[in-house]
């Protein structure tokens, strides 16, 4: 079993382990209607009372993720990533992680959220939290400069999960690639310009 480096929890658990690859989802601050926020908060409260390594925790985390995805794929909010200039900014920010010895092998940029597969290398010196805060902060500033407006671009917290085995990784890659197809943006994932 991989050694735990850090485990933190705000509303969502963030579990970092050595030599891990992470599936990350970040949503826009306005991407969920009030009813969805209430339902997700209820699930999060329940998840917070469960030991993180339990089967119930994993099942509730999956239910939380499915609920969130249903609402996100409906395209609620301002959807800044529909703008090619904004999507390009985020794509550049993900590519810039290579400067920190962090690979982003797969990603998809949806109108109001994004998914990525992030792999810190042997020389990576930043925690997942530092990685996410930097990418979110830099991309938010650049997106606001591009489209204007006030307030946060991204939700304060993000979803992350370290991948336990090659089978889980294959499922995540398929999930990332199929997200724009499931949401009705394209007929096949290679047609989506913001999926790798």
Protein backbone atom coordinates (compact mmCIF):
# COMPACT_ATOMS: atom_id res chain seq x y z
CA UNK A 1 0.00 0.00 0.00
CA UNK A 2 1.19 3.51 -0.81
CA UNK A 3 2.24 5.69 2.12
CA UNK A 4 -0.09 8.59 3.01
CA UNK A 5 1.64 11.95 2.75
CA UNK A 6 -1.27 14.15 3.79
CA UNK A 7 -4.98 13.88 4.52
CA UNK A 8 -7.04 17.05 4.86
CA UNK A 9 -10.73 17.77 4.84
CA UNK A 10 -12.76 20.92 4.38
CA UNK A 11 -16.05 19.98 2.79
CA UNK A 12 -14.37 17.26 0.74
CA UNK A 13 -11.58 14.89 1.75
CA UNK A 14 -8.19 15.36 0.09
CA UNK A 15 -5.94 12.34 0.44
CA UNK A 16 -2.39 12.54 -0.90
CA UNK A 17 -0.13 9.50 -1.14
CA UNK A 18 3.40 9.02 -2.42
CA UNK A 19 3.91 8.22 -6.11
CA UNK A 20 0.20 8.69 -6.85
CA UNK A 21 -1.76 9.80 -9.86
CA UNK A 22 -4.87 11.90 -9.17
CA UNK A 23 -8.19 12.37 -10.91
CA UNK A 24 -9.24 15.99 -10.30
CA UNK A 25 -12.49 17.84 -11.00
CA UNK A 26 -12.86 21.61 -10.66
CA UNK A 27 -16.13 23.41 -11.25
CA UNK A 28 -16.99 27.05 -11.83
CA UNK A 29 -18.30 28.96 -8.82
CA UNK A 30 -21.74 29.45 -10.39
CA UNK A 31 -22.09 25.99 -11.94
CA UNK A 32 -24.76 24.59 -9.62
CA UNK A 33 -28.33 25.71 -8.92
CA UNK A 34 -29.38 26.17 -5.27
CA UNK A 35 -31.23 22.81 -5.12
CA UNK A 36 -28.15 20.96 -6.30
CA UNK A 37 -25.95 22.74 -3.76
CA UNK A 38 -28.31 21.69 -0.96
CA UNK A 39 -28.38 18.04 -2.09
CA UNK A 40 -24.59 17.91 -2.44
CA UNK A 41 -24.10 19.57 0.97
CA UNK A 42 -26.32 16.88 2.51
CA UNK A 43 -24.19 14.14 0.93
CA UNK A 44 -20.98 15.89 2.04
CA UNK A 45 -22.18 16.08 5.65
CA UNK A 46 -22.89 12.38 5.57
CA UNK A 47 -19.50 11.57 3.99
CA UNK A 48 -17.71 13.65 6.64
CA UNK A 49 -19.00 11.31 9.39
CA UNK A 50 -17.65 8.14 7.76
CA UNK A 51 -14.12 6.71 8.02
CA UNK A 52 -12.32 7.51 4.72
CA UNK A 53 -11.15 3.95 4.06
CA UNK A 54 -14.56 2.32 4.43
CA UNK A 55 -16.70 0.84 1.66
CA UNK A 56 -19.56 3.16 2.67
CA UNK A 57 -17.27 6.17 2.23
CA UNK A 58 -16.37 5.07 -1.30
CA UNK A 59 -20.01 4.40 -2.21
CA UNK A 60 -21.16 7.80 -0.92
CA UNK A 61 -18.27 9.54 -2.63
CA UNK A 62 -19.36 7.94 -5.94
CA UNK A 63 -22.97 9.01 -5.32
CA UNK A 64 -21.80 12.55 -4.56
CA UNK A 65 -19.76 12.62 -7.75
CA UNK A 66 -22.63 11.27 -9.91
CA UNK A 67 -25.02 13.86 -8.46
CA UNK A 68 -22.54 16.65 -9.11
CA UNK A 69 -21.84 15.50 -12.68
CA UNK A 70 -25.53 15.34 -13.55
CA UNK A 71 -25.91 19.01 -12.68
CA UNK A 72 -22.61 20.10 -14.21
CA UNK A 73 -23.34 18.44 -17.54
CA UNK A 74 -26.61 20.40 -17.72
CA UNK A 75 -24.46 23.54 -18.31
CA UNK A 76 -25.66 25.80 -15.48
CA UNK A 77 -23.98 29.16 -14.87
CA UNK A 78 -21.94 31.53 -17.02
CA UNK A 79 -19.88 28.66 -18.53
CA UNK A 80 -16.68 30.64 -19.23
CA UNK A 81 -14.94 27.62 -20.77
CA UNK A 82 -17.35 27.79 -23.73
CA UNK A 83 -15.21 30.75 -24.77
CA UNK A 84 -12.22 29.40 -26.73
CA UNK A 85 -9.92 32.09 -25.28
CA UNK A 86 -10.78 31.01 -21.72
CA UNK A 87 -10.41 27.31 -22.55
CA UNK A 88 -7.01 28.10 -24.09
CA UNK A 89 -5.93 29.83 -20.88
CA UNK A 90 -6.79 26.78 -18.81
CA UNK A 91 -5.12 24.44 -21.28
CA UNK A 92 -1.93 26.56 -21.05
CA UNK A 93 -2.08 26.51 -17.24
CA UNK A 94 -2.36 22.72 -17.22
CA UNK A 95 0.58 22.44 -19.64
CA UNK A 96 2.63 24.77 -17.40
CA UNK A 97 2.51 22.17 -14.63
CA UNK A 98 5.36 20.43 -16.48
CA UNK A 99 7.60 23.20 -15.05
CA UNK A 100 6.88 21.71 -11.61
CA UNK A 101 7.54 18.11 -12.81
CA UNK A 102 3.81 17.37 -12.92
CA UNK A 103 2.29 15.58 -15.90
CA UNK A 104 -1.28 16.09 -17.04
CA UNK A 105 -1.78 13.05 -19.23
CA UNK A 106 -5.52 13.49 -19.86
CA UNK A 107 -8.03 16.30 -19.41
CA UNK A 108 -11.33 17.63 -20.67
CA UNK A 109 -12.53 21.21 -20.40
CA UNK A 110 -16.30 21.43 -20.20
CA UNK A 111 -18.27 24.72 -20.29
CA UNK A 112 -18.53 25.02 -16.48
CA UNK A 113 -16.03 22.48 -15.12
CA UNK A 114 -12.93 20.47 -15.98
CA UNK A 115 -11.38 17.10 -15.26
CA UNK A 116 -7.70 16.16 -15.34
CA UNK A 117 -5.40 13.26 -14.59
CA UNK A 118 -2.46 14.76 -12.68
CA UNK A 119 0.77 12.88 -11.91
CA UNK A 120 3.49 14.52 -9.79
CA UNK A 121 6.92 13.28 -10.88
CA UNK A 122 9.84 12.18 -8.71
CA UNK A 123 11.15 15.77 -8.46
CA UNK A 124 7.78 17.42 -7.78
CA UNK A 125 8.03 19.49 -4.64
CA UNK A 126 4.47 20.78 -4.40
CA UNK A 127 1.48 19.19 -2.70
CA UNK A 128 -1.70 18.59 -4.63
CA UNK A 129 -3.23 21.47 -2.68
CA UNK A 130 -0.45 23.84 -3.78
CA UNK A 131 -0.78 22.64 -7.37
CA UNK A 132 -4.52 23.22 -7.44
CA UNK A 133 -4.44 26.60 -5.71
CA UNK A 134 -1.81 27.89 -8.11
CA UNK A 135 -3.55 26.67 -11.28
CA UNK A 136 -6.94 27.86 -10.13
CA UNK A 137 -5.62 31.26 -9.05
CA UNK A 138 -3.60 31.95 -12.18
CA UNK A 139 -6.28 30.75 -14.57
CA UNK A 140 -9.01 32.70 -12.74
CA UNK A 141 -7.05 35.96 -13.00
CA UNK A 142 -6.40 35.42 -16.69
CA UNK A 143 -10.00 34.43 -17.40
CA UNK A 144 -11.32 37.53 -15.61
CA UNK A 145 -8.94 39.67 -17.68
CA UNK A 146 -10.37 38.05 -20.81
CA UNK A 147 -14.11 38.10 -20.10
CA UNK A 148 -14.40 40.67 -17.31
CA UNK A 149 -16.79 40.41 -14.43
CA UNK A 150 -16.28 40.09 -10.69
CA UNK A 151 -16.22 37.34 -8.16
CA UNK A 152 -14.64 33.92 -8.14
CA UNK A 153 -14.33 31.90 -11.33
CA UNK A 154 -13.78 28.54 -9.62
CA UNK A 155 -15.43 26.82 -6.71
CA UNK A 156 -13.20 27.17 -3.66
CA UNK A 157 -12.70 23.43 -3.26
CA UNK A 158 -12.15 20.70 -5.82
CA UNK A 159 -12.73 16.95 -6.01
CA UNK A 160 -9.69 14.68 -6.13
CA UNK A 161 -9.12 10.96 -5.95
CA UNK A 162 -5.83 9.09 -6.07
CA UNK A 163 -5.97 6.17 -8.46
CA UNK A 164 -5.38 2.82 -6.82
CA UNK A 165 -4.72 0.52 -9.79
CA UNK A 166 -4.48 0.33 -13.61
CA UNK A 167 -8.13 -0.69 -13.93
CA UNK A 168 -9.30 2.41 -12.06
CA UNK A 169 -6.99 4.54 -14.19
CA UNK A 170 -8.48 3.08 -17.39
CA UNK A 171 -12.00 3.86 -16.12
CA UNK A 172 -10.99 7.44 -15.31
CA UNK A 173 -9.39 7.99 -18.72
CA UNK A 174 -12.58 6.67 -20.35
CA UNK A 175 -14.66 8.93 -18.11
CA UNK A 176 -12.61 12.02 -19.00
CA UNK A 177 -12.78 11.30 -22.71
CA UNK A 178 -16.48 10.46 -22.73
CA UNK A 179 -17.62 13.49 -20.67
CA UNK A 180 -18.09 15.84 -23.67
CA UNK A 181 -19.95 13.05 -25.50
CA UNK A 182 -22.27 12.34 -22.53
CA UNK A 183 -22.98 16.07 -22.20
CA UNK A 184 -23.94 16.27 -25.88
CA UNK A 185 -21.11 18.61 -26.91
CA UNK A 186 -19.66 16.25 -29.56
CA UNK A 187 -20.40 12.85 -31.11
CA UNK A 188 -16.96 11.41 -30.31
CA UNK A 189 -14.24 12.61 -27.93
CA UNK A 190 -11.51 13.26 -30.54
CA UNK A 191 -13.84 15.90 -32.03
CA UNK A 192 -13.76 17.89 -28.79
CA UNK A 193 -10.92 20.44 -29.08
CA UNK A 194 -10.50 20.63 -25.30
CA UNK A 195 -10.00 16.92 -24.56
CA UNK A 196 -6.66 15.13 -24.43
